[in-house]
Amino acid sequence: MTKLSRFLSTFSALVACFTLVRSRFGLLSIFLWIPKVLACGLSPLAALSGFLGAALGLVNRDLRSMVLGLFGASVATRYVYKVTGPHHGFERAFGPDWEACIPPQVRQEMLSRRWSLRAFDPPRTPWIQDVHIATDPQDGDRLYADLWIPHEGVTPSGLVVLYLHGSGWHYGGKDMRTRRFFRHLTNQGHVIIDFAYRLAPRVDLYQMIFDVKRAISWMKNNAVNYGVDENKIVLMGGSAGAQLALLAAYTPNDPRFQPLDVQQDTSICGVVSYYGPTDLIELHRYFEAKFRRIPVRRSFLIKVPITRWEKRARRTGFLPPDGRFVTPIEILPNLIGDLPDRATDLYNLFSPINHVGAHCPPTLLLQGLHDFGGMVNQVRSLHEALFNAGVMSILVEFHNTEHGFDLIPPKWSPATQAATYDTERFLALLAYS
């Protein structure tokens, strides 16, 4: 019994410690990223484990189990409480009676609270893979998306979500650990377009935004076929995808960001950003300050493991055929073509915060406060700019939470559930108000 109590208490204390960790060193923060995200997701189990370990330690008169268990349980419980506590963002943006705008039958399909240990799996939803969205007329590249459609018996909301994946504009693709989230949203009547925009180095930011505008145009042209309202398109993205979503949302019909083959109106009704960068100059400065000591391909010991990783990543599709590994300080210069000092106008042009105005659609910003990518101050600045422009904006900050918090942890993750709770209500308000 003593061994069990010490195991439970030690597990709780270790997980709890990881929720507190925040490294100032770039390489260490990358190594700690996945353990920290997992620890935050496992915090409810750590709290239960700590309380049980402490209780068994009390019975066995084992001081070590009691101390470790109580420490782990208290820290983990505090994390869950801070992350899932209520906020007043919706009242400020939509008014005190905002919940009345959501039909009762729709609320029944939503999460009843911002967090629950009993996290039920949403019903299976039909989805169509590799739907041809558009073709770039210049190079012939075909653009594809996966479509998630509400199953029979679900009342359509008329709203469609165009989702843009993250991974630094250089990696990843559609269907990137989002299936459960998409099933949840389609169960509320929304159609989801999981779009595979093209990546660097094959294309630059101009062409990525062109791809997004092509996807918006395609959806508006095919709205009737999928039972959606062409005026109810919401852009949503994570990290780099969130930057593209914000930029596309704030530049409707702007000829600088609209390809010649798109004649359709590209305005949308809302945008959701999961930890997306908003100021690319500030982002690069942060990367330079934090990650400048990360070596790349300077020695055999570095070059060999990176080359092996690239081969595996290409086989799995995480890295495009012509892609390669890039360090954080290389990401934006590779993407834009130069450093900010020599391409200031381009960095400003591709920063969503520089396109804020009264024309911007309602915006939901979801941000972890321990984001190793340094987005916290950028997101706060965007929220303030939107507020000053008279745009409905909701900023939700998650205590001690890392970048990519919604993609890795188990389904009972407090931050993931709380973000889903806010996202589904934001989408419902856009669909029914």
Protein backbone atom coordinates (compact mmCIF):
# COMPACT_ATOMS: atom_id res chain seq x y z
CA MET A 1 0.00 0.00 0.00
CA THR A 2 2.90 2.35 0.73
CA LYS A 3 4.33 1.77 -2.75
CA LEU A 4 0.96 2.58 -4.31
CA SER A 5 0.52 5.78 -2.32
CA ARG A 6 4.03 6.94 -3.21
CA PHE A 7 3.50 6.14 -6.88
CA LEU A 8 0.23 8.08 -7.02
CA SER A 9 1.65 11.02 -5.10
CA THR A 10 4.86 11.15 -7.14
CA PHE A 11 2.93 11.00 -10.41
CA SER A 12 0.71 13.85 -9.24
CA ALA A 13 3.65 15.99 -8.12
CA LEU A 14 5.58 15.47 -11.36
CA VAL A 15 2.61 16.33 -13.57
CA ALA A 16 1.82 19.35 -11.42
CA CYS A 17 5.42 20.60 -11.67
CA PHE A 18 5.27 20.46 -15.46
CA THR A 19 2.21 22.72 -15.47
CA LEU A 20 4.36 25.36 -13.75
CA VAL A 21 7.43 25.02 -15.97
CA ARG A 22 8.24 27.82 -18.39
CA SER A 23 11.73 27.92 -19.85
CA ARG A 24 13.37 31.13 -21.04
CA PHE A 25 15.82 29.13 -23.14
CA GLY A 26 14.66 28.42 -26.68
CA LEU A 27 15.93 24.89 -27.17
CA LEU A 28 14.79 23.77 -23.72
CA SER A 29 11.33 25.26 -24.27
CA ILE A 30 10.97 23.16 -27.43
CA PHE A 31 11.99 19.98 -25.59
CA LEU A 32 9.58 20.78 -22.75
CA TRP A 33 6.68 21.71 -25.04
CA ILE A 34 5.05 18.29 -25.50
CA PRO A 35 5.56 17.17 -21.85
CA LYS A 36 4.02 20.44 -20.67
CA VAL A 37 1.04 20.18 -23.00
CA LEU A 38 0.47 16.60 -21.88
CA ALA A 39 0.84 17.54 -18.22
CA CYS A 40 -1.76 20.30 -18.55
CA GLY A 41 -4.11 17.85 -20.27
CA LEU A 42 -3.55 15.27 -17.54
CA SER A 43 -3.96 17.77 -14.70
CA PRO A 44 -7.41 16.44 -13.65
CA LEU A 45 -5.97 12.96 -13.27
CA ALA A 46 -3.00 14.41 -11.40
CA ALA A 47 -5.36 16.09 -8.95
CA LEU A 48 -7.29 12.88 -8.32
CA SER A 49 -4.08 10.88 -8.05
CA GLY A 50 -2.62 13.36 -5.58
CA PHE A 51 -5.65 13.33 -3.31
CA LEU A 52 -5.78 9.54 -3.35
CA GLY A 53 -2.03 9.22 -2.73
CA ALA A 54 -2.24 11.67 0.17
CA ALA A 55 -5.20 9.80 1.66
CA LEU A 56 -3.39 6.48 1.46
CA GLY A 57 -0.29 8.12 2.92
CA LEU A 58 -2.35 9.35 5.85
CA VAL A 59 -3.67 5.85 6.47
CA ASN A 60 -0.14 4.39 6.24
CA ARG A 61 1.43 7.31 8.14
CA ASP A 62 3.73 7.96 5.19
CA LEU A 63 4.72 11.63 5.33
CA ARG A 64 6.35 11.59 1.89
CA SER A 65 3.16 10.41 0.20
CA MET A 66 1.09 12.96 2.07
CA VAL A 67 3.32 15.92 1.20
CA LEU A 68 3.83 15.01 -2.46
CA GLY A 69 0.18 14.09 -2.93
CA LEU A 70 -1.16 17.29 -1.40
CA PHE A 71 1.31 19.39 -3.39
CA GLY A 72 0.42 17.72 -6.69
CA ALA A 73 -3.31 17.79 -5.98
CA SER A 74 -3.34 21.46 -4.98
CA VAL A 75 -1.26 22.66 -7.95
CA ALA A 76 -3.21 20.56 -10.46
CA THR A 77 -6.55 21.63 -8.99
CA ARG A 78 -5.50 25.27 -9.15
CA TYR A 79 -4.57 24.84 -12.82
CA VAL A 80 -7.97 23.32 -13.68
CA TYR A 81 -9.79 26.04 -11.77
CA LYS A 82 -7.84 28.90 -13.35
CA VAL A 83 -8.17 27.54 -16.91
CA THR A 84 -11.85 26.69 -16.78
CA GLY A 85 -13.14 29.59 -14.70
CA PRO A 86 -15.83 31.86 -16.17
CA HIS A 87 -15.08 35.05 -18.08
CA HIS A 88 -17.14 37.98 -19.32
CA GLY A 89 -15.98 38.13 -22.92
CA PHE A 90 -19.33 37.20 -24.42
CA GLU A 91 -21.24 39.72 -22.31
CA ARG A 92 -18.90 42.51 -23.38
CA ALA A 93 -19.07 41.58 -27.07
CA PHE A 94 -22.68 40.45 -27.52
CA GLY A 95 -24.49 41.95 -24.55
CA PRO A 96 -25.80 40.56 -21.25
CA ASP A 97 -28.55 38.49 -22.93
CA TRP A 98 -26.23 36.78 -25.41
CA GLU A 99 -27.23 33.25 -24.35
CA ALA A 100 -30.86 33.91 -25.28
CA CYS A 101 -29.77 34.28 -28.92
CA ILE A 102 -28.86 30.58 -29.06
CA PRO A 103 -31.91 28.29 -29.57
CA PRO A 104 -32.53 25.88 -26.65
CA GLN A 105 -32.28 22.81 -28.90
CA VAL A 106 -28.85 23.96 -30.03
CA ARG A 107 -27.65 24.54 -26.46
CA GLN A 108 -28.58 20.96 -25.63
CA GLU A 109 -25.92 19.71 -28.05
CA MET A 110 -23.21 21.93 -26.56
CA LEU A 111 -20.92 21.30 -23.64
CA SER A 112 -22.91 22.10 -20.51
CA ARG A 113 -19.90 23.53 -18.69
CA ARG A 114 -16.40 24.73 -19.53
CA TRP A 115 -14.91 21.52 -18.16
CA SER A 116 -16.08 18.08 -17.09
CA LEU A 117 -14.13 14.91 -16.31
CA ARG A 118 -16.93 13.01 -18.06
CA ALA A 119 -16.05 13.90 -21.63
CA PHE A 120 -18.33 12.01 -24.00
CA ASP A 121 -17.33 11.29 -27.57
CA PRO A 122 -19.52 13.05 -30.16
CA PRO A 123 -21.42 10.86 -32.65
CA ARG A 124 -19.64 9.65 -35.77
CA THR A 125 -19.96 12.08 -38.65
CA PRO A 126 -19.63 11.44 -42.39
CA TRP A 127 -16.75 13.23 -44.02
CA ILE A 128 -15.55 13.42 -47.59
CA GLN A 129 -11.81 13.33 -48.19
CA ASP A 130 -9.81 15.16 -50.86
CA VAL A 131 -12.51 17.29 -52.43
CA HIS A 132 -11.03 19.34 -55.28
CA ILE A 133 -11.48 22.99 -54.29
CA ALA A 134 -9.57 24.90 -56.94
CA THR A 135 -6.58 24.92 -59.26
CA ASP A 136 -3.91 27.60 -59.38
CA PRO A 137 -4.06 28.79 -63.00
CA GLN A 138 -0.38 29.75 -63.05
CA ASP A 139 1.33 26.53 -61.94
CA GLY A 140 -1.54 24.03 -62.13
CA ASP A 141 -1.41 23.03 -58.45
CA ARG A 142 -4.70 21.48 -57.33
CA LEU A 143 -6.10 22.45 -53.93
CA TYR A 144 -7.97 19.94 -51.79
CA ALA A 145 -10.05 19.87 -48.64
CA ASP A 146 -11.91 17.39 -46.44
CA LEU A 147 -15.61 18.16 -45.93
CA TRP A 148 -17.40 17.36 -42.68
CA ILE A 149 -21.17 17.34 -43.08
CA PRO A 150 -23.82 16.99 -40.32
CA HIS A 151 -25.37 13.54 -40.24
CA GLU A 152 -29.06 12.90 -40.80
CA GLY A 153 -31.19 14.05 -37.90
CA VAL A 154 -29.04 17.09 -37.11
CA THR A 155 -30.67 20.42 -37.94
CA PRO A 156 -28.34 22.42 -40.24
CA SER A 157 -27.19 25.73 -38.80
CA GLY A 158 -26.46 27.21 -42.23
CA LEU A 159 -22.93 28.08 -41.05
CA VAL A 160 -19.70 26.74 -42.52
CA VAL A 161 -16.26 26.77 -40.87
CA LEU A 162 -13.20 27.00 -43.11
CA TYR A 163 -10.38 25.54 -40.99
CA LEU A 164 -6.67 26.23 -41.61
CA HIS A 165 -4.12 24.00 -39.88
CA GLY A 166 -0.98 25.26 -38.11
CA SER A 167 2.70 24.16 -38.04
CA GLY A 168 4.64 27.23 -39.04
CA TRP A 169 3.62 27.65 -42.70
CA HIS A 170 6.15 24.91 -43.59
CA TYR A 171 4.69 21.70 -42.14
CA GLY A 172 1.50 19.77 -41.58
CA GLY A 173 -1.71 19.44 -43.51
CA LYS A 174 -5.40 18.82 -43.19
CA ASP A 175 -6.74 16.13 -40.84
CA MET A 176 -4.17 17.01 -38.19
CA ARG A 177 -5.60 15.70 -34.89
CA THR A 178 -8.88 17.59 -35.34
CA ARG A 179 -11.38 14.80 -36.02
CA ARG A 180 -13.01 14.79 -32.60
CA PHE A 181 -13.32 18.57 -32.65
CA PHE A 182 -14.89 18.53 -36.10
CA ARG A 183 -17.36 15.79 -35.11
CA HIS A 184 -18.39 17.94 -32.18
CA LEU A 185 -19.05 20.99 -34.36
CA THR A 186 -20.88 19.10 -37.10
CA ASN A 187 -23.13 17.59 -34.45
CA GLN A 188 -24.36 21.16 -33.92
CA GLY A 189 -25.25 21.55 -37.60
CA HIS A 190 -22.12 23.26 -38.93
CA VAL A 191 -20.31 22.22 -42.10
CA ILE A 192 -16.51 22.07 -41.81
CA ILE A 193 -14.00 22.57 -44.62
CA ASP A 194 -10.60 21.26 -43.52
CA PHE A 195 -8.49 23.00 -46.13
CA ALA A 196 -4.96 22.06 -47.25
CA TYR A 197 -3.41 25.32 -48.36
CA ARG A 198 0.00 25.08 -49.98
CA LEU A 199 3.16 25.38 -47.89
CA ALA A 200 6.59 27.00 -48.07
CA PRO A 201 9.03 26.77 -49.74
CA ARG A 202 6.83 26.00 -52.77
CA VAL A 203 4.72 29.11 -52.21
CA ASP A 204 4.99 32.34 -50.25
CA LEU A 205 2.46 34.13 -48.05
CA TYR A 206 0.83 35.84 -51.02
CA GLN A 207 -0.03 32.49 -52.58
CA MET A 208 -1.19 31.03 -49.27
CA ILE A 209 -3.66 33.88 -48.84
CA PHE A 210 -4.69 33.43 -52.48
CA ASP A 211 -5.44 29.78 -51.67
CA VAL A 212 -7.62 30.80 -48.73
CA LYS A 213 -9.53 33.30 -50.87
CA ARG A 214 -10.05 30.57 -53.49
CA ALA A 215 -11.51 28.30 -50.80
CA ILE A 216 -13.89 31.06 -49.65
CA SER A 217 -14.99 31.64 -53.23
CA TRP A 218 -15.53 27.91 -53.81
CA MET A 219 -17.68 27.63 -50.71
CA LYS A 220 -19.84 30.59 -51.72
CA ASN A 221 -20.31 29.16 -55.20
CA ASN A 222 -21.30 25.76 -53.73
CA ALA A 223 -23.23 26.92 -50.67
CA VAL A 224 -26.57 25.62 -51.93
CA ASN A 225 -25.13 22.16 -52.55
CA TYR A 226 -24.13 21.79 -48.90
CA GLY A 227 -27.09 23.53 -47.27
CA VAL A 228 -25.18 26.55 -45.97
CA ASP A 229 -25.67 30.29 -46.20
CA GLU A 230 -22.95 31.94 -48.31
CA ASN A 231 -23.05 34.89 -45.89
CA LYS A 232 -22.25 32.67 -42.90
CA ILE A 233 -18.68 31.57 -43.50
CA VAL A 234 -16.30 31.58 -40.52
CA LEU A 235 -12.54 31.31 -40.83
CA MET A 236 -10.78 29.34 -38.12
CA GLY A 237 -7.15 28.36 -37.68
CA GLY A 238 -4.39 27.42 -35.30
CA SER A 239 -0.99 29.11 -35.09
CA ALA A 240 0.18 29.83 -38.67
CA GLY A 241 -3.29 28.88 -39.90
CA ALA A 242 -4.76 31.43 -37.51
CA GLN A 243 -2.52 34.14 -38.98
CA LEU A 244 -3.84 33.28 -42.45
CA ALA A 245 -7.42 33.19 -41.16
CA LEU A 246 -7.11 36.60 -39.49
CA LEU A 247 -5.40 38.18 -42.49
CA ALA A 248 -7.95 36.81 -44.95
CA ALA A 249 -10.83 37.85 -42.67
CA TYR A 250 -9.55 41.42 -42.35
CA THR A 251 -8.78 41.92 -46.08
CA PRO A 252 -11.99 41.00 -47.94
CA ASN A 253 -11.82 41.86 -51.64
CA ASP A 254 -8.48 43.61 -51.16
CA PRO A 255 -6.77 43.33 -54.58
CA ARG A 256 -3.37 42.83 -52.90
CA PHE A 257 -4.64 39.57 -51.41
CA GLN A 258 -7.10 38.42 -54.05
CA PRO A 259 -6.01 36.22 -56.99
CA LEU A 260 -7.18 37.25 -60.44
CA ASP A 261 -9.15 34.01 -60.86
CA VAL A 262 -11.40 34.89 -57.89
CA GLN A 263 -14.22 37.27 -58.79
CA GLN A 264 -16.47 36.29 -55.88
CA ASP A 265 -16.94 38.47 -52.80
CA THR A 266 -14.55 37.09 -50.15
CA SER A 267 -16.00 38.72 -47.04
CA ILE A 268 -16.87 36.40 -44.16
CA CYS A 269 -18.92 36.72 -40.97
CA GLY A 270 -16.42 35.77 -38.26
CA VAL A 271 -12.96 34.47 -37.43
CA VAL A 272 -11.54 32.24 -34.67
CA SER A 273 -7.83 32.29 -33.84
CA TYR A 274 -6.20 29.58 -31.77
CA TYR A 275 -2.86 31.11 -30.63
CA GLY A 276 -2.20 32.87 -33.94
CA PRO A 277 0.56 35.45 -34.53
CA THR A 278 -0.70 38.92 -35.38
CA ASP A 279 2.49 40.99 -35.79
CA LEU A 280 5.20 39.33 -37.87
CA ILE A 281 7.94 41.82 -37.03
CA GLU A 282 7.42 41.25 -33.32
CA LEU A 283 7.25 37.50 -33.94
CA HIS A 284 10.61 37.45 -35.70
CA ARG A 285 12.22 39.60 -33.00
CA TYR A 286 10.97 37.17 -30.38
CA PHE A 287 12.32 34.21 -32.35
CA GLU A 288 15.70 35.90 -32.73
CA ALA A 289 15.94 36.62 -29.02
CA LYS A 290 14.84 33.18 -27.86
CA PHE A 291 16.01 30.72 -30.52
CA ARG A 292 19.18 32.24 -31.97
CA ARG A 293 21.42 29.61 -30.34
CA ILE A 294 19.75 26.61 -31.99
CA PRO A 295 22.33 25.08 -34.39
CA VAL A 296 21.24 23.74 -37.77
CA ARG A 297 23.29 21.57 -40.16
CA ARG A 298 26.58 22.98 -38.87
CA SER A 299 28.01 19.66 -37.89
CA PHE A 300 27.63 15.99 -38.68
CA LEU A 301 25.98 15.39 -35.30
CA ILE A 302 23.25 17.92 -36.15
CA LYS A 303 22.86 17.27 -39.88
CA VAL A 304 22.34 13.49 -39.67
CA PRO A 305 19.36 13.42 -37.23
CA ILE A 306 17.68 16.34 -39.03
CA THR A 307 18.05 14.58 -42.39
CA ARG A 308 16.58 11.39 -40.95
CA TRP A 309 13.68 13.33 -39.43
CA GLU A 310 12.99 15.00 -42.77
CA LYS A 311 12.80 11.62 -44.54
CA ARG A 312 10.32 10.27 -41.99
CA ALA A 313 8.30 13.50 -42.06
CA ARG A 314 8.01 13.35 -45.86
CA ARG A 315 6.83 9.74 -45.70
CA THR A 316 4.08 10.65 -43.24
CA GLY A 317 3.07 13.77 -45.17
CA PHE A 318 3.94 16.14 -42.33
CA LEU A 319 6.65 17.65 -44.52
CA PRO A 320 5.92 18.38 -48.21
CA PRO A 321 8.14 16.68 -50.83
CA ASP A 322 10.18 19.84 -51.41
CA GLY A 323 10.18 20.93 -47.76
CA ARG A 324 12.96 20.92 -45.20
CA PHE A 325 13.44 21.55 -41.51
CA VAL A 326 13.79 25.22 -40.58
CA THR A 327 14.59 26.76 -37.22
CA PRO A 328 12.24 29.38 -35.73
CA ILE A 329 14.54 32.26 -36.75
CA GLU A 330 14.51 31.00 -40.35
CA ILE A 331 10.74 30.62 -40.67
CA LEU A 332 9.70 34.17 -41.57
CA PRO A 333 12.74 35.11 -43.71
CA ASN A 334 12.19 31.92 -45.73
CA LEU A 335 8.51 32.71 -46.02
CA ILE A 336 8.74 36.41 -46.87
CA GLY A 337 12.11 36.41 -48.60
CA ASP A 338 14.19 38.61 -46.33
CA LEU A 339 14.74 39.91 -42.80
CA PRO A 340 12.38 42.53 -41.31
CA ASP A 341 15.02 45.29 -41.51
CA ARG A 342 15.15 44.93 -45.30
CA ALA A 343 11.51 43.96 -45.91
CA THR A 344 9.65 45.98 -43.30
CA ASP A 345 6.76 46.81 -45.65
CA LEU A 346 6.12 43.13 -46.42
CA TYR A 347 6.21 42.11 -42.76
CA ASN A 348 3.72 44.86 -41.96
CA LEU A 349 1.56 43.93 -44.94
CA PHE A 350 1.20 40.33 -43.77
CA SER A 351 0.52 41.25 -40.13
CA PRO A 352 -3.23 41.07 -39.36
CA ILE A 353 -2.99 43.82 -36.74
CA ASN A 354 -2.19 46.34 -39.49
CA HIS A 355 -5.51 45.67 -41.24
CA VAL A 356 -7.81 46.27 -38.29
CA GLY A 357 -10.77 48.55 -38.94
CA ALA A 358 -14.51 48.84 -38.50
CA HIS A 359 -14.93 46.45 -41.44
CA CYS A 360 -13.46 43.50 -39.50
CA PRO A 361 -15.81 40.65 -38.54
CA PRO A 362 -16.40 39.44 -34.96
CA THR A 363 -13.26 37.76 -33.66
CA LEU A 364 -12.60 35.08 -31.04
CA LEU A 365 -8.99 34.88 -29.78
CA LEU A 366 -7.90 31.84 -27.75
CA GLN A 367 -4.44 32.09 -26.23
CA GLY A 368 -2.30 30.14 -23.75
CA LEU A 369 -0.27 32.35 -21.42
CA HIS A 370 2.82 30.08 -21.53
CA ASP A 371 2.97 30.03 -25.33
CA PHE A 372 6.59 29.29 -26.28
CA GLY A 373 5.96 31.07 -29.61
CA GLY A 374 5.58 34.44 -27.90
CA MET A 375 2.09 35.30 -29.18
CA VAL A 376 0.59 36.57 -25.90
CA ASN A 377 1.37 40.28 -26.23
CA GLN A 378 0.58 40.24 -29.96
CA VAL A 379 -2.86 38.78 -29.35
CA ARG A 380 -3.57 41.25 -26.57
CA SER A 381 -2.60 44.12 -28.86
CA LEU A 382 -4.91 42.83 -31.59
CA HIS A 383 -7.79 42.51 -29.15
CA GLU A 384 -7.26 46.09 -27.99
CA ALA A 385 -7.06 47.36 -31.56
CA LEU A 386 -10.30 45.60 -32.49
CA PHE A 387 -12.03 46.99 -29.42
CA ASN A 388 -10.88 50.51 -30.26
CA ALA A 389 -12.19 50.04 -33.82
CA GLY A 390 -15.61 49.06 -32.51
CA VAL A 391 -15.32 45.42 -33.58
CA MET A 392 -16.76 42.63 -31.45
CA SER A 393 -13.73 40.79 -30.05
CA ILE A 394 -13.40 38.15 -27.34
CA LEU A 395 -10.01 37.30 -25.85
CA VAL A 396 -9.81 34.14 -23.74
CA GLU A 397 -6.50 33.51 -21.99
CA PHE A 398 -5.59 30.14 -20.51
CA HIS A 399 -3.45 30.11 -17.37
CA ASN A 400 -0.06 28.28 -17.65
CA THR A 401 -1.07 26.82 -21.01
CA GLU A 402 1.21 26.14 -23.97
CA HIS A 403 1.06 26.55 -27.74
CA GLY A 404 -0.99 23.83 -29.46
CA PHE A 405 -2.87 22.97 -26.28
CA ASP A 406 -5.87 21.65 -28.23
CA LEU A 407 -4.08 19.12 -30.46
CA ILE A 408 -2.20 16.73 -28.18
CA PRO A 409 -3.88 16.06 -24.81
CA PRO A 410 -6.68 13.60 -24.00
CA LYS A 411 -10.32 14.54 -24.31
CA TRP A 412 -10.63 15.58 -20.66
CA SER A 413 -8.03 18.35 -21.09
CA PRO A 414 -9.32 21.47 -19.27
CA ALA A 415 -7.95 23.98 -21.80
CA THR A 416 -9.24 22.00 -24.79
CA GLN A 417 -12.72 21.67 -23.33
CA ALA A 418 -12.87 25.32 -22.27
CA ALA A 419 -11.75 26.48 -25.73
CA THR A 420 -14.34 24.21 -27.38
CA TYR A 421 -17.03 25.56 -25.04
CA ASP A 422 -16.24 29.13 -26.12
CA THR A 423 -15.82 28.27 -29.79
CA GLU A 424 -19.15 26.48 -30.11
CA ARG A 425 -21.00 29.38 -28.50
CA PHE A 426 -19.24 31.92 -30.69
CA LEU A 427 -20.22 29.95 -33.81
CA ALA A 428 -23.81 29.58 -32.61
CA LEU A 429 -24.12 33.33 -32.05
CA LEU A 430 -22.91 33.95 -35.60
CA ALA A 431 -25.27 31.32 -36.98
CA TYR A 432 -28.46 32.33 -35.17
CA SER A 433 -28.19 35.99 -34.20
